[in-house]
Amino acid sequence: MSIPEQIKTLEELAAIDAELKILDDQLGVERATLSTLKASLKKLEEKLKTDSAQVAATEKTRGELHADVRTMMQQLEHSREKLNRSRTERESNAAQRELEELRKLVRDREDEITKLTTESDAVRTQVEATEAEAKKVQGELSSSEGDIHSKVGVIEAERAQKQATRDAIAKRLPAQLYRRYDMLRQKKGFGIAQTTDGTCKACHMALPPQLFHRLRREPLLEQCPSCNRIIYYAPPPAVERSDSK
């Protein structure tokens, strides 16, 4: 294969690689959209599970405190009876202290119940908001998942077709040249560069004058000293002249 043919083949390869990159970017966007929705839904479901467990635990503790209060109220009745039955000052003072201690314990339990009720109500409100958000995300996922899978299928089919075309083009190049091109493409995004005026159009650095003159003199594939891409000379487009009247 002559150098001009190699240059033309590299240009075809670079063009289809650019098209494949666009398709890969489109696939990335579609898959990321789907992945983001699924991740959001999973996070909301985990939050619902955690908050619901917290509500259940709070309700259990509150129930236990209510049971304690009922028990203490019964004890209070007994203490009042003891106070009423007391015959000496000593018995009266003991019954009175017992009553005060029980009343304090009841107040403490009631304060804890009030605090837990406030916390539980806040978490319940949070659960309702999370459920609404999860329902919204689930709706978005349900409505878009089919469309996204359809788009991905179309893009993948187009990509497979272009990949087959690329493979055919690559086989026309000498193996060593192709490996060099593909290594540069993977490392730098694209593996070839043109020069028309002595500047590499990929990295925009000036070429050594001797290298530029050599590229202009005959078809050659060289290496840009700055970016290491395969570089070749491309004549400037012809300027059409209009005849003056």
Foldseek 3Di string as FASTA:
>chain_A
DDLVVQVVLLVVLQVLLVVLVVLVVVLVVLVVVLVVLVVLLVVLVVLLVVLVVVLVVLVVVLVVLVVVLVVLVVVLVVLVVQCVVDDDPVSNVVSVVSNVVSVVSNVVSVVSSVVSVVVSVVSVVVSVVSVVVSVVSVVVSVVCVVVSVVVSVVSVVVSVVSVVVSVVSLVVDDPVVSVQQVVLCVVPVGAEFEDAPQATPPVRHGADPVVVVVLVVDWDFDAGPPSRGTYHYDHDDDDDDDDDD
